[in-house]
Amino acid sequence: MSSAGHRIGPGEIEECLVRHPAVALAAAIGVPDQVRHQVVKALVVTSPGVVSSQALVTELKDLVRARLAAYEVPREIDFVDDLPLTVSGKIRRSALREQEAARRAGAGEGRDRLR
């Protein structure tokens, strides 16, 4: 993905997010933004027993900010029940981008949406 002229790889953002004990699985995608072309959006599956909250969103953003560049910090974080995976266990980002495009067009909402 590309944001404000920066090339951003989703893998390092995902690796950073799953270091947090409250995160079981994470995916990062680019979503449209009028100013930056795209911004980073993270989709997070929480660990069992963890409740999503604004405090958790802040913790996750701070974790990424401490380990990666400021432009790699997710502008949006959504908590979801699961992520689409391939047979080999890799995240299907194309499916996530399609779901996000449909959601932005007015179809469906995720489990929790916090910014």
Protein backbone atom coordinates (compact mmCIF):
# COMPACT_ATOMS: atom_id res chain seq x y z
CA MET A 1 0.00 0.00 0.00
CA SER A 2 1.04 3.59 -0.47
CA SER A 3 0.23 6.46 1.90
CA ALA A 4 1.35 10.06 1.41
CA GLY A 5 4.21 8.89 -0.81
CA HIS A 6 5.41 6.19 1.59
CA ARG A 7 5.44 2.54 0.55
CA ILE A 8 4.09 0.48 3.44
CA GLY A 9 4.32 -3.29 3.78
CA PRO A 10 1.47 -4.78 5.82
CA GLY A 11 3.57 -7.66 7.19
CA GLU A 12 5.65 -5.62 9.61
CA ILE A 13 2.55 -3.84 10.97
CA GLU A 14 0.81 -7.19 11.49
CA GLU A 15 3.87 -8.67 13.22
CA CYS A 16 4.03 -5.67 15.53
CA LEU A 17 0.34 -5.88 16.44
CA VAL A 18 0.41 -9.61 17.28
CA ARG A 19 3.17 -8.94 19.82
CA HIS A 20 0.48 -7.48 22.06
CA PRO A 21 -0.96 -10.18 24.36
CA ALA A 22 -4.53 -9.07 23.61
CA VAL A 23 -4.13 -9.77 19.88
CA ALA A 24 -4.59 -13.26 18.48
CA LEU A 25 -4.40 -12.31 14.79
CA ALA A 26 -4.05 -9.06 12.86
CA ALA A 27 -4.23 -7.87 9.26
CA ALA A 28 -3.32 -4.51 7.75
CA ILE A 29 -4.80 -3.08 4.57
CA GLY A 30 -4.88 0.26 2.83
CA VAL A 31 -8.18 2.13 2.70
CA PRO A 32 -8.97 5.20 0.59
CA ASP A 33 -8.16 8.63 1.97
CA GLN A 34 -8.69 11.93 0.17
CA VAL A 35 -5.50 13.53 1.49
CA ARG A 36 -3.01 10.64 1.68
CA HIS A 37 -4.35 8.42 -1.15
CA GLN A 38 -4.55 5.52 1.34
CA VAL A 39 -4.24 5.11 5.10
CA VAL A 40 -3.45 2.00 7.11
CA LYS A 41 -6.39 0.15 8.61
CA ALA A 42 -5.83 -2.77 10.98
CA LEU A 43 -8.29 -5.58 11.51
CA VAL A 44 -7.70 -7.34 14.80
CA VAL A 45 -8.95 -10.61 16.25
CA THR A 46 -8.60 -10.38 20.02
CA SER A 47 -7.34 -13.18 22.22
CA PRO A 48 -9.99 -15.21 24.08
CA GLY A 49 -11.52 -13.25 26.94
CA VAL A 50 -10.28 -9.86 25.75
CA VAL A 51 -12.88 -7.14 25.24
CA SER A 52 -12.23 -4.51 22.58
CA SER A 53 -12.08 -0.94 23.87
CA GLN A 54 -10.79 2.50 23.03
CA ALA A 55 -7.99 1.90 25.56
CA LEU A 56 -6.89 -1.18 23.60
CA VAL A 57 -6.92 0.83 20.36
CA THR A 58 -4.65 3.40 21.99
CA GLU A 59 -2.31 0.68 23.30
CA LEU A 60 -2.05 -0.92 19.86
CA LYS A 61 -1.35 2.39 18.12
CA ASP A 62 1.29 3.23 20.75
CA LEU A 63 2.92 -0.18 20.27
CA VAL A 64 3.21 0.34 16.51
CA ARG A 65 4.37 3.94 16.98
CA ALA A 66 7.16 2.79 19.35
CA ARG A 67 8.46 0.09 16.98
CA LEU A 68 7.79 1.42 13.47
CA ALA A 69 7.63 4.71 11.59
CA ALA A 70 4.83 7.15 12.38
CA TYR A 71 3.30 6.76 8.91
CA GLU A 72 2.83 3.02 9.57
CA VAL A 73 0.56 3.53 12.59
CA PRO A 74 -2.96 2.38 11.71
CA ARG A 75 -5.37 5.31 11.38
CA GLU A 76 -8.29 2.92 11.90
CA ILE A 77 -8.54 -0.26 13.95
CA ASP A 78 -11.53 -2.57 13.69
CA PHE A 79 -12.08 -5.60 15.90
CA VAL A 80 -13.42 -8.62 14.03
CA ASP A 81 -14.38 -12.17 14.97
CA ASP A 82 -12.15 -13.79 12.34
CA LEU A 83 -10.08 -13.09 9.25
CA PRO A 84 -10.25 -14.83 5.87
CA LEU A 85 -7.29 -17.20 5.50
CA THR A 86 -5.90 -19.32 2.70
CA VAL A 87 -5.57 -23.09 3.07
CA SER A 88 -1.95 -22.54 4.15
CA GLY A 89 -3.01 -20.03 6.86
CA LYS A 90 -2.04 -16.77 5.18
CA ILE A 91 -4.33 -13.75 5.42
CA ARG A 92 -6.41 -13.11 2.30
CA ARG A 93 -5.94 -9.33 2.10
CA SER A 94 -7.77 -9.15 -1.24
CA ALA A 95 -10.91 -10.46 0.49
CA LEU A 96 -10.46 -7.89 3.26
CA ARG A 97 -10.13 -5.06 0.73
CA GLU A 98 -13.31 -6.24 -1.01
CA GLN A 99 -15.17 -6.40 2.31
CA GLU A 100 -13.96 -2.91 3.20
CA ALA A 101 -15.04 -1.50 -0.16
CA ALA A 102 -18.50 -3.03 0.32
CA ARG A 103 -18.70 -1.69 3.87
CA ARG A 104 -17.74 1.81 2.73
CA ALA A 105 -20.36 1.61 0.02
CA GLY A 106 -22.97 1.08 2.73
CA ALA A 107 -23.17 -2.70 2.98
CA GLY A 108 -22.53 -4.34 6.37
CA GLU A 109 -20.53 -3.35 9.41
CA GLY A 110 -17.79 -5.09 11.41
CA ARG A 111 -18.19 -6.38 14.97
CA ASP A 112 -16.69 -3.28 16.57
CA ARG A 113 -15.31 -0.14 15.05
CA LEU A 114 -13.01 2.06 17.08
CA ARG A 115 -10.63 4.74 15.87
